[in-house]
N, C-alpha and C. Protein backbone atom coordinates (compact mmCIF):
# COMPACT_ATOMS: atom_id res chain seq x y z
N UNK A 1 101.47 102.70 84.85
CA UNK A 1 101.09 101.93 83.68
C UNK A 1 101.90 102.41 82.48
N UNK A 2 102.38 101.46 81.73
CA UNK A 2 103.17 101.73 80.53
C UNK A 2 102.23 102.18 79.40
N UNK A 3 102.65 103.19 78.64
CA UNK A 3 101.92 103.62 77.45
C UNK A 3 102.75 103.26 76.23
N UNK A 4 102.14 102.50 75.33
CA UNK A 4 102.80 102.12 74.07
C UNK A 4 102.17 102.96 72.97
N UNK A 5 102.99 103.72 72.27
CA UNK A 5 102.49 104.53 71.16
C UNK A 5 102.58 103.70 69.89
N UNK A 6 101.45 103.57 69.21
CA UNK A 6 101.35 102.74 68.02
C UNK A 6 100.96 103.61 66.84
N UNK A 7 101.79 103.60 65.80
CA UNK A 7 101.57 104.42 64.61
C UNK A 7 101.09 103.53 63.47
N UNK A 8 100.11 104.00 62.72
CA UNK A 8 99.64 103.25 61.56
C UNK A 8 99.47 104.17 60.36
N UNK A 9 99.69 103.58 59.19
CA UNK A 9 99.35 104.24 57.94
C UNK A 9 98.48 103.22 57.17
N UNK A 10 98.04 103.53 55.97
CA UNK A 10 97.13 102.59 55.29
C UNK A 10 97.71 101.18 55.06
N UNK A 11 99.01 101.02 55.13
CA UNK A 11 99.60 99.72 54.83
C UNK A 11 100.22 98.96 55.98
N UNK A 12 100.51 99.64 57.10
CA UNK A 12 101.25 98.94 58.15
C UNK A 12 101.16 99.71 59.46
N UNK A 13 101.73 99.10 60.51
CA UNK A 13 101.74 99.72 61.82
C UNK A 13 103.03 99.40 62.56
N UNK A 14 103.39 100.30 63.50
CA UNK A 14 104.62 100.17 64.26
C UNK A 14 104.41 100.66 65.68
N UNK A 15 105.02 99.99 66.63
CA UNK A 15 105.00 100.43 68.02
C UNK A 15 106.34 101.07 68.35
N UNK A 16 106.29 102.26 68.93
CA UNK A 16 107.51 102.97 69.33
C UNK A 16 107.94 102.47 70.71
N UNK A 17 109.17 101.96 70.79
CA UNK A 17 109.69 101.40 72.03
C UNK A 17 111.13 101.88 72.21
N UNK A 18 111.50 102.34 73.40
CA UNK A 18 112.89 102.76 73.63
C UNK A 18 113.86 101.59 73.43
N UNK A 19 114.97 101.88 72.79
CA UNK A 19 115.99 100.86 72.58
C UNK A 19 116.46 100.29 73.91
N UNK A 20 116.58 101.14 74.92
CA UNK A 20 117.03 100.69 76.24
C UNK A 20 116.08 99.64 76.82
N UNK A 21 114.79 99.79 76.56
CA UNK A 21 113.83 98.81 77.07
C UNK A 21 114.01 97.47 76.37
N UNK A 22 114.24 97.50 75.06
CA UNK A 22 114.47 96.24 74.32
C UNK A 22 115.69 95.53 74.88
N UNK A 23 116.73 96.28 75.18
CA UNK A 23 117.95 95.69 75.76
C UNK A 23 117.67 95.14 77.15
N UNK A 24 116.97 95.90 77.98
CA UNK A 24 116.66 95.47 79.34
C UNK A 24 115.82 94.19 79.34
N UNK A 25 114.94 94.05 78.36
CA UNK A 25 114.10 92.87 78.25
C UNK A 25 114.84 91.68 77.63
N UNK A 26 116.02 91.93 77.10
CA UNK A 26 116.82 90.87 76.48
C UNK A 26 116.34 90.46 75.10
N UNK A 27 115.65 91.37 74.41
CA UNK A 27 115.10 91.01 73.09
C UNK A 27 115.65 91.89 71.95
N UNK A 28 116.58 92.77 72.24
CA UNK A 28 117.09 93.68 71.21
C UNK A 28 117.63 92.93 70.00
N UNK A 29 118.24 91.78 70.21
CA UNK A 29 118.81 91.01 69.10
C UNK A 29 117.78 90.10 68.43
N UNK A 30 116.54 90.08 68.92
CA UNK A 30 115.49 89.26 68.32
C UNK A 30 114.61 90.04 67.34
N UNK A 31 114.80 91.35 67.30
CA UNK A 31 113.99 92.22 66.44
C UNK A 31 114.54 92.17 65.02
N UNK A 32 113.65 92.06 64.05
CA UNK A 32 114.06 91.91 62.65
C UNK A 32 114.40 93.25 62.00
N UNK A 33 114.95 93.17 60.82
CA UNK A 33 115.26 94.36 60.04
C UNK A 33 114.03 94.93 59.34
N UNK A 34 112.86 94.34 59.59
CA UNK A 34 111.61 94.90 59.06
C UNK A 34 111.09 96.02 59.95
N UNK A 35 111.71 96.17 61.11
CA UNK A 35 111.40 97.29 61.99
C UNK A 35 112.35 98.43 61.66
N UNK A 36 112.11 99.57 62.27
CA UNK A 36 112.92 100.76 62.00
C UNK A 36 113.48 101.32 63.29
N UNK A 37 114.41 102.26 63.12
CA UNK A 37 115.02 102.90 64.27
C UNK A 37 115.32 104.36 63.95
N UNK A 38 115.03 105.20 64.91
CA UNK A 38 115.41 106.61 64.81
C UNK A 38 115.89 107.03 66.18
N UNK A 39 117.17 107.39 66.26
CA UNK A 39 117.75 107.76 67.55
C UNK A 39 117.68 106.60 68.53
N UNK A 40 117.14 106.88 69.71
CA UNK A 40 117.05 105.87 70.76
C UNK A 40 115.71 105.14 70.78
N UNK A 41 114.95 105.25 69.68
CA UNK A 41 113.63 104.62 69.61
C UNK A 41 113.58 103.61 68.47
N UNK A 42 113.05 102.44 68.79
CA UNK A 42 112.78 101.43 67.78
C UNK A 42 111.30 101.50 67.43
N UNK A 43 110.98 101.28 66.18
CA UNK A 43 109.60 101.24 65.70
C UNK A 43 109.35 99.82 65.23
N UNK A 44 108.74 99.03 66.11
CA UNK A 44 108.57 97.60 65.89
C UNK A 44 107.42 97.32 64.95
N UNK A 45 107.70 96.61 63.85
CA UNK A 45 106.64 96.30 62.89
C UNK A 45 105.60 95.41 63.55
N UNK A 46 104.37 95.57 63.11
CA UNK A 46 103.24 94.97 63.80
C UNK A 46 103.10 93.46 63.65
N UNK A 47 103.65 92.85 62.62
CA UNK A 47 103.38 91.45 62.35
C UNK A 47 104.15 90.47 63.24
N UNK A 48 105.42 90.70 63.44
CA UNK A 48 106.23 89.76 64.24
C UNK A 48 106.93 90.44 65.42
N UNK A 49 107.62 91.53 65.14
CA UNK A 49 108.44 92.16 66.18
C UNK A 49 107.63 92.70 67.34
N UNK A 50 106.47 93.29 67.05
CA UNK A 50 105.62 93.78 68.13
C UNK A 50 105.14 92.62 69.00
N UNK A 51 104.88 91.46 68.41
CA UNK A 51 104.49 90.28 69.18
C UNK A 51 105.61 89.84 70.11
N UNK A 52 106.85 89.86 69.63
CA UNK A 52 108.00 89.51 70.48
C UNK A 52 108.04 90.42 71.70
N UNK A 53 107.85 91.71 71.46
CA UNK A 53 107.85 92.68 72.55
C UNK A 53 106.69 92.42 73.52
N UNK A 54 105.50 92.18 72.99
CA UNK A 54 104.34 91.95 73.85
C UNK A 54 104.51 90.69 74.70
N UNK A 55 105.13 89.68 74.15
CA UNK A 55 105.42 88.47 74.94
C UNK A 55 106.40 88.79 76.07
N UNK A 56 107.37 89.66 75.79
CA UNK A 56 108.38 90.01 76.78
C UNK A 56 107.81 90.83 77.93
N UNK A 57 106.76 91.60 77.68
CA UNK A 57 106.17 92.42 78.76
C UNK A 57 104.90 91.79 79.32
N UNK A 58 104.66 90.55 78.98
CA UNK A 58 103.45 89.85 79.45
C UNK A 58 103.32 90.01 80.96
N UNK A 59 102.11 90.37 81.39
CA UNK A 59 101.84 90.55 82.81
C UNK A 59 101.99 91.98 83.29
N UNK A 60 102.65 92.83 82.50
CA UNK A 60 102.79 94.24 82.87
C UNK A 60 101.58 95.01 82.34
N UNK A 61 101.03 95.91 83.15
CA UNK A 61 99.90 96.70 82.66
C UNK A 61 100.37 97.71 81.60
N UNK A 62 99.54 97.89 80.58
CA UNK A 62 99.88 98.85 79.53
C UNK A 62 98.60 99.37 78.89
N UNK A 63 98.77 100.48 78.19
CA UNK A 63 97.71 101.01 77.35
C UNK A 63 98.35 101.38 76.02
N UNK A 64 97.55 101.33 74.97
CA UNK A 64 98.05 101.68 73.64
C UNK A 64 97.43 103.01 73.21
N UNK A 65 98.31 103.91 72.82
CA UNK A 65 97.89 105.21 72.30
C UNK A 65 98.15 105.18 70.80
N UNK A 66 97.09 105.36 70.00
CA UNK A 66 97.22 105.23 68.55
C UNK A 66 97.36 106.57 67.85
N UNK A 67 98.20 106.57 66.82
CA UNK A 67 98.36 107.71 65.91
C UNK A 67 98.19 107.16 64.50
N UNK A 68 97.19 107.62 63.79
CA UNK A 68 96.90 107.13 62.44
C UNK A 68 97.10 108.24 61.41
N UNK A 69 97.51 107.84 60.22
CA UNK A 69 97.61 108.77 59.11
C UNK A 69 97.04 108.11 57.86
N UNK A 70 96.50 108.93 56.98
CA UNK A 70 95.97 108.42 55.71
C UNK A 70 97.05 108.39 54.63
N UNK A 71 98.24 108.88 54.95
CA UNK A 71 99.38 108.91 54.02
C UNK A 71 100.43 107.92 54.50
N UNK A 72 101.48 107.74 53.69
CA UNK A 72 102.60 106.92 54.16
C UNK A 72 103.21 107.56 55.40
N UNK A 73 103.46 106.75 56.41
CA UNK A 73 104.07 107.24 57.64
C UNK A 73 105.53 107.63 57.39
N UNK A 74 106.00 108.68 58.06
CA UNK A 74 107.42 109.02 57.96
C UNK A 74 108.32 107.90 58.50
N UNK A 75 107.76 107.02 59.30
CA UNK A 75 108.55 105.90 59.84
C UNK A 75 109.17 105.08 58.72
N UNK A 76 108.50 105.00 57.59
CA UNK A 76 109.02 104.23 56.45
C UNK A 76 110.37 104.76 55.94
N UNK A 77 110.69 106.01 56.26
CA UNK A 77 111.95 106.60 55.80
C UNK A 77 113.06 106.50 56.86
N UNK A 78 112.76 105.94 58.02
CA UNK A 78 113.77 105.81 59.07
C UNK A 78 114.73 104.68 58.71
N UNK A 79 115.84 104.64 59.43
CA UNK A 79 116.85 103.61 59.21
C UNK A 79 116.30 102.24 59.58
N UNK A 80 116.77 101.24 58.87
CA UNK A 80 116.42 99.86 59.17
C UNK A 80 116.90 99.53 60.59
N UNK A 81 116.12 98.76 61.33
CA UNK A 81 116.48 98.43 62.71
C UNK A 81 117.79 97.65 62.77
N UNK A 82 118.58 98.04 63.72
CA UNK A 82 119.79 97.30 64.11
C UNK A 82 119.94 97.47 65.60
N UNK A 83 120.19 96.38 66.30
CA UNK A 83 120.43 96.47 67.73
C UNK A 83 121.83 97.04 67.95
N UNK A 84 122.10 97.42 69.16
CA UNK A 84 123.43 97.95 69.49
C UNK A 84 124.52 96.92 69.19
N UNK A 85 124.19 95.64 69.33
CA UNK A 85 125.16 94.58 69.13
C UNK A 85 125.42 94.28 67.66
N UNK A 86 124.53 94.72 66.77
CA UNK A 86 124.70 94.39 65.35
C UNK A 86 125.64 95.34 64.67
């Protein structure tokens, strides 16, 4: 079963997904610049990009592991998302 790590702060949330998985699913170029990237991990914003990902893995079993903070998440300081092709 796939585990999706989901991070939230008081204003927003992001799902951590390997860049390689986005490429394998054929959606790396569909993710907006409202998401973030650090190294080989994309942090998909909860409003649109996470939905694109969830549609792509439809039918696969998964669980969500949540990490919450009462402060601004460090994810906000990561680089703006760009696929390998951009």
